Amino acid sequence: MLRTLALLILITVFLPSAVNASNRLYSDNTLTPTDGLYLDINIGVGYLFEDSYLIGANATRDGVELFNINVFASYENWYLDVDRSQLSGGWILGYSALEHNDWDVDIIVTQAQDGFDEKGFDLYSSDEIPELKGITKRKFDLTGGLRLSRRFTDDQVSLELLQDISSTHNGWIVSAFYSKIIPWQNWEFRTALGVNFYSKDFTNYYFGISPQEQRIDRAVYRPTSAMGVVYEFHAEYPLHENWIFLAGWMTTWFSEQIYHSPIVAQNYQHKAKIGVRYVF
């Protein structure tokens, strides 16, 4: 079973990623122990717009996402959740260590930050962004740690304590979120508000500027720990027995330790998505 979960992780990591099955931020998540093996897969297609915070006119990304695969697999206390429908999604491998009175304690592994280089976040592009020319490649990370969550009927609060286990930046991230599901007629609205705290090692690796990267217009920069505030709004509407319309918006605001970096153009980032998914 562990080999199956590992294979699913490899498939989803190397698929073209947008930063999304069951979303761990919301009260209807199914990241709880199951009897035996459970597997749920659905696919979607959508249009994504991402207003990148990196400097450079070509740093903004948009385009059609074909065949986004959402996967939820569980085996007793182990689970793999890949959510590419909601903007707050991603992938997470976890172990449900404790479940009591709607409180859950999980051990999780996930990716906290995308990598980027002179081409921005589009690592498959051959076009360099002039403002980023000369920076060293920042790799995506792999983080692991604990997740504490409390589920109510339509609300959920969660706290995640994550440490880099890939030796990418050796930093830590603390994330706290509150989310709510609002059903209205045939619509389902989801909203979430979160705060992320990043250690000095994390912030300096992704947004610092080393002496080797400095230019006349790019000074050496050594930031300290930082934070970000995230807001998401997501809506779904059933078009047919198997087809669901979806749309979402997510905005992240960054503290000055991040947006004062010479390679950061603004103190916010917007993401928007519209599409459909097919549920088997």
Protein backbone atom coordinates (compact mmCIF):
# COMPACT_ATOMS: atom_id res chain seq x y z
CA MET A 1 0.00 0.00 0.00
CA LEU A 2 2.82 2.41 0.82
CA ARG A 3 4.30 1.82 -2.62
CA THR A 4 0.93 2.67 -4.17
CA LEU A 5 0.76 5.94 -2.20
CA ALA A 6 4.33 6.79 -3.19
CA LEU A 7 3.50 6.18 -6.86
CA LEU A 8 0.47 8.48 -6.65
CA ILE A 9 2.66 11.19 -5.11
CA LEU A 10 5.17 10.92 -7.94
CA ILE A 11 2.41 11.14 -10.55
CA THR A 12 0.90 14.28 -9.03
CA VAL A 13 4.20 16.02 -8.27
CA PHE A 14 5.40 15.73 -11.86
CA LEU A 15 2.10 16.68 -13.47
CA PRO A 16 1.94 20.36 -14.50
CA SER A 17 0.93 22.04 -11.24
CA ALA A 18 -1.28 24.98 -10.50
CA VAL A 19 -1.34 25.01 -6.63
CA ASN A 20 -6.10 20.78 -5.12
CA ALA A 21 -10.80 15.23 -3.88
CA SER A 22 -10.99 16.45 -0.29
CA ASN A 23 -9.46 19.67 1.00
CA ARG A 24 -7.89 19.56 4.45
CA LEU A 25 -8.91 23.15 5.24
CA TYR A 26 -12.65 22.45 5.33
CA SER A 27 -14.97 20.65 7.74
CA ASP A 28 -16.11 18.03 5.20
CA ASN A 29 -12.59 16.71 4.69
CA THR A 30 -12.34 12.93 4.78
CA LEU A 31 -8.80 12.68 6.12
CA THR A 32 -9.85 10.24 8.82
CA PRO A 33 -9.20 6.51 9.35
CA THR A 34 -11.04 4.08 7.05
CA ASP A 35 -11.65 0.34 7.12
CA GLY A 36 -9.37 -1.12 4.46
CA LEU A 37 -8.56 0.57 1.16
CA TYR A 38 -10.60 3.49 -0.19
CA LEU A 39 -9.88 5.27 -3.48
CA ASP A 40 -11.69 8.19 -5.12
CA ILE A 41 -10.52 9.87 -8.36
CA ASN A 42 -12.09 12.68 -10.37
CA ILE A 43 -10.77 14.90 -13.12
CA GLY A 44 -11.27 18.52 -14.14
CA VAL A 45 -10.41 21.21 -16.63
CA GLY A 46 -10.19 24.93 -15.96
CA TYR A 47 -8.67 28.30 -16.70
CA LEU A 48 -6.16 29.69 -14.20
CA PHE A 49 -4.88 33.23 -13.71
CA GLU A 50 -2.00 33.92 -11.35
CA ASP A 51 -0.66 37.42 -10.68
CA SER A 52 2.86 36.49 -9.62
CA TYR A 53 4.56 38.51 -6.89
CA LEU A 54 7.97 38.07 -8.54
CA ILE A 55 9.43 41.08 -10.31
CA GLY A 56 9.22 41.10 -14.09
CA ALA A 57 6.48 41.85 -16.61
CA ASN A 58 6.38 38.21 -17.74
CA ALA A 59 5.98 36.79 -14.25
CA THR A 60 2.17 36.63 -14.54
CA ARG A 61 0.81 33.23 -15.57
CA ASP A 62 -2.51 32.28 -17.10
CA GLY A 63 -3.82 29.50 -19.28
CA VAL A 64 -5.96 26.40 -19.61
CA GLU A 65 -5.35 23.49 -17.25
CA LEU A 66 -6.23 20.18 -18.86
CA PHE A 67 -7.03 16.99 -16.95
CA ASN A 68 -6.36 18.09 -13.41
CA ILE A 69 -6.49 14.87 -11.42
CA ASN A 70 -7.96 14.87 -7.92
CA VAL A 71 -7.11 11.79 -5.86
CA PHE A 72 -8.11 10.65 -2.42
CA ALA A 73 -6.66 7.33 -1.26
CA SER A 74 -6.74 5.96 2.25
CA TYR A 75 -5.76 2.74 3.96
CA GLU A 76 -6.73 2.54 7.62
CA ASN A 77 -4.88 5.49 9.24
CA TRP A 78 -2.83 6.41 6.14
CA TYR A 79 -4.12 8.78 3.45
CA LEU A 80 -3.05 10.61 0.30
CA ASP A 81 -5.02 13.69 -0.74
CA VAL A 82 -4.39 15.48 -4.04
CA ASP A 83 -6.69 18.45 -4.61
CA ARG A 84 -6.19 20.46 -7.80
CA SER A 85 -9.69 21.93 -8.01
CA GLN A 86 -9.49 24.46 -5.18
CA LEU A 87 -6.76 27.09 -5.17
CA SER A 88 -5.88 26.23 -1.58
CA GLY A 89 -5.32 22.63 -2.61
CA GLY A 90 -2.15 20.74 -3.33
CA TRP A 91 -1.04 17.33 -2.13
CA ILE A 92 -0.64 15.87 1.32
CA LEU A 93 0.44 12.48 2.63
CA GLY A 94 -0.71 11.88 6.18
CA TYR A 95 -1.20 9.53 9.10
CA SER A 96 -4.16 10.02 11.43
CA ALA A 97 -2.53 9.68 14.86
CA LEU A 98 -5.46 10.73 17.07
CA GLU A 99 -9.18 11.36 16.58
CA HIS A 100 -11.31 12.39 19.58
CA ASN A 101 -14.47 14.51 19.88
CA ASP A 102 -14.00 16.15 16.45
CA TRP A 103 -10.34 16.90 17.29
CA ASP A 104 -7.76 15.39 14.93
CA VAL A 105 -3.99 15.13 15.25
CA ASP A 106 -2.20 14.08 12.05
CA ILE A 107 1.40 13.54 11.01
CA ILE A 108 1.73 15.02 7.52
CA VAL A 109 4.14 15.53 4.63
CA THR A 110 3.41 18.20 2.00
CA GLN A 111 4.96 20.89 -0.21
CA ALA A 112 4.84 24.41 1.21
CA GLN A 113 6.57 26.46 -1.50
CA ASP A 114 7.05 26.24 -5.28
CA GLY A 115 10.52 26.69 -6.71
CA PHE A 116 11.53 29.35 -9.22
CA ASP A 117 14.54 30.56 -11.19
CA GLU A 118 15.40 33.14 -13.88
CA LYS A 119 12.24 32.08 -15.76
CA GLY A 120 10.04 32.69 -12.72
CA PHE A 121 7.74 29.95 -11.48
CA ASP A 122 7.39 28.44 -14.95
CA LEU A 123 10.37 26.11 -14.73
CA TYR A 124 9.48 24.57 -18.11
CA SER A 125 9.71 27.87 -20.01
CA SER A 126 12.78 28.79 -22.05
CA ASP A 127 12.20 32.54 -21.69
CA GLU A 128 14.22 34.32 -19.03
CA ILE A 129 12.74 37.27 -17.16
CA PRO A 130 15.32 40.10 -17.47
CA GLU A 131 14.70 41.36 -13.91
CA LEU A 132 15.46 37.87 -12.56
CA LYS A 133 18.55 37.24 -14.66
CA GLY A 134 21.47 36.09 -12.52
CA ILE A 135 19.57 34.66 -9.56
CA THR A 136 20.26 31.12 -8.43
CA LYS A 137 17.55 28.49 -8.70
CA ARG A 138 15.23 28.15 -5.70
CA LYS A 139 14.02 24.55 -5.35
CA PHE A 140 10.58 23.46 -4.17
CA ASP A 141 10.59 22.14 -0.63
CA LEU A 142 9.22 19.09 1.15
CA THR A 143 7.94 19.70 4.67
CA GLY A 144 6.74 17.40 7.43
CA GLY A 145 5.19 17.88 10.84
CA LEU A 146 2.00 17.91 12.88
CA ARG A 147 -1.50 19.09 12.07
CA LEU A 148 -4.11 19.81 14.76
CA SER A 149 -7.68 20.46 13.62
CA ARG A 150 -11.14 20.88 15.16
CA ARG A 151 -14.19 20.26 12.99
CA PHE A 152 -17.66 21.69 13.59
CA THR A 153 -20.74 21.24 11.39
CA ASP A 154 -19.68 23.67 8.66
CA ASP A 155 -16.59 25.25 10.24
CA GLN A 156 -13.06 24.12 10.91
CA VAL A 157 -9.99 25.54 12.63
CA SER A 158 -6.54 24.07 12.08
CA LEU A 159 -2.92 24.56 13.08
CA GLU A 160 0.05 23.09 11.21
CA LEU A 161 3.66 22.98 12.44
CA LEU A 162 5.94 22.07 9.54
CA GLN A 163 9.70 21.64 9.18
CA ASP A 164 11.66 21.33 5.94
CA ILE A 165 12.72 17.68 5.59
CA SER A 166 14.27 18.03 2.13
CA SER A 167 17.26 20.18 3.19
CA THR A 168 16.06 22.83 0.74
CA HIS A 169 15.97 25.70 3.24
CA ASN A 170 15.95 23.89 6.62
CA GLY A 171 13.33 26.32 7.88
CA TRP A 172 9.93 25.94 9.50
CA ILE A 173 6.40 27.11 8.73
CA VAL A 174 3.49 27.59 11.13
CA SER A 175 0.02 27.87 9.55
CA ALA A 176 -3.29 28.66 11.26
CA PHE A 177 -6.60 28.59 9.33
CA TYR A 178 -10.31 29.12 9.88
CA SER A 179 -12.73 27.96 7.19
CA LYS A 180 -16.48 27.82 6.64
CA ILE A 181 -18.82 26.08 4.20
CA ILE A 182 -22.01 27.96 3.25
CA PRO A 183 -24.67 25.99 1.30
CA TRP A 184 -27.25 28.09 -0.55
CA GLN A 185 -29.88 26.46 -2.79
CA ASN A 186 -27.78 24.30 -5.16
CA TRP A 187 -24.63 26.33 -4.57
CA GLU A 188 -21.88 25.56 -2.12
CA PHE A 189 -19.61 28.43 -1.08
CA ARG A 190 -16.34 27.92 0.76
CA THR A 191 -14.31 30.61 2.44
CA ALA A 192 -11.09 30.43 4.44
CA LEU A 193 -8.79 32.88 6.21
CA GLY A 194 -5.30 31.89 7.28
CA VAL A 195 -1.99 33.17 8.61
CA ASN A 196 1.40 31.66 7.71
CA PHE A 197 4.57 32.32 9.68
CA TYR A 198 7.92 31.62 7.99
CA SER A 199 11.28 31.20 9.71
CA LYS A 200 14.37 33.23 8.81
CA ASP A 201 15.88 30.26 6.94
CA PHE A 202 12.75 29.92 4.76
CA THR A 203 12.48 33.63 3.99
CA ASN A 204 16.18 34.08 3.31
CA TYR A 205 16.37 31.07 0.96
CA TYR A 206 13.48 32.13 -1.27
CA PHE A 207 13.64 35.93 -1.04
CA GLY A 208 17.15 36.79 0.10
CA ILE A 209 19.86 37.98 -2.29
CA SER A 210 23.38 36.60 -1.94
CA PRO A 211 26.55 38.51 -2.92
CA GLN A 212 26.78 36.29 -6.03
CA GLU A 213 23.33 37.45 -7.16
CA GLN A 214 23.72 41.18 -6.63
CA ARG A 215 23.67 43.65 -9.52
CA ILE A 216 23.57 47.42 -9.82
CA ASP A 217 19.78 47.27 -9.43
CA ARG A 218 19.74 44.28 -7.04
CA ALA A 219 21.41 44.71 -3.67
CA VAL A 220 22.37 42.00 -1.20
CA TYR A 221 19.35 41.26 0.98
CA ARG A 222 19.14 39.15 4.16
CA PRO A 223 15.53 39.07 5.45
CA THR A 224 14.44 37.73 8.82
CA SER A 225 11.33 35.69 9.63
CA ALA A 226 8.15 36.75 7.82
CA MET A 227 4.42 36.15 7.59
CA GLY A 228 1.60 36.03 5.06
CA VAL A 229 -2.19 36.33 5.29
CA VAL A 230 -4.34 34.22 2.95
CA TYR A 231 -8.01 34.57 1.97
CA GLU A 232 -9.88 32.13 -0.29
CA PHE A 233 -13.39 32.09 -1.75
CA HIS A 234 -14.55 29.02 -3.67
CA ALA A 235 -17.94 28.21 -5.24
CA GLU A 236 -19.37 25.02 -6.75
CA TYR A 237 -22.62 24.31 -8.60
CA PRO A 238 -23.83 20.93 -9.97
CA LEU A 239 -24.44 21.16 -13.71
CA HIS A 240 -25.31 17.50 -14.13
CA GLU A 241 -25.23 14.28 -12.16
CA ASN A 242 -21.49 13.97 -12.83
CA TRP A 243 -20.41 17.51 -13.80
CA ILE A 244 -19.69 20.30 -11.30
CA PHE A 245 -18.98 23.94 -12.14
CA LEU A 246 -16.36 25.59 -9.95
CA ALA A 247 -14.82 29.02 -9.51
CA GLY A 248 -12.42 30.42 -6.97
CA TRP A 249 -10.37 33.40 -5.87
CA MET A 250 -7.40 33.50 -3.51
CA THR A 251 -5.33 36.47 -2.34
CA THR A 252 -2.15 36.37 -0.26
CA TRP A 253 -0.63 39.42 1.44
CA PHE A 254 3.04 39.36 2.49
CA SER A 255 4.88 41.11 5.30
CA GLU A 256 7.64 43.60 4.55
CA GLN A 257 10.41 41.03 5.00
CA ILE A 258 9.17 39.41 1.77
CA TYR A 259 7.96 42.34 -0.33
CA HIS A 260 11.08 44.41 0.38
CA SER A 261 13.11 41.76 -1.46
CA PRO A 262 14.67 43.04 -4.71
CA ILE A 263 13.07 40.14 -6.61
CA VAL A 264 9.53 40.80 -5.30
CA ALA A 265 7.38 43.36 -7.10
CA GLN A 266 4.39 43.68 -4.77
CA ASN A 267 3.11 42.77 -1.31
CA TYR A 268 0.25 40.60 -2.58
CA GLN A 269 -0.60 37.83 -5.01
CA HIS A 270 -3.95 37.09 -6.64
CA LYS A 271 -5.06 33.76 -8.08
CA ALA A 272 -8.35 33.03 -9.84
CA LYS A 273 -9.78 29.91 -11.41
CA ILE A 274 -12.89 28.84 -13.30
CA GLY A 275 -13.64 25.35 -14.59
CA VAL A 276 -15.52 22.09 -14.29
CA ARG A 277 -14.76 18.70 -12.84
CA TYR A 278 -16.16 15.27 -13.59
CA VAL A 279 -17.06 13.05 -10.64
CA PHE A 280 -17.19 9.32 -11.36
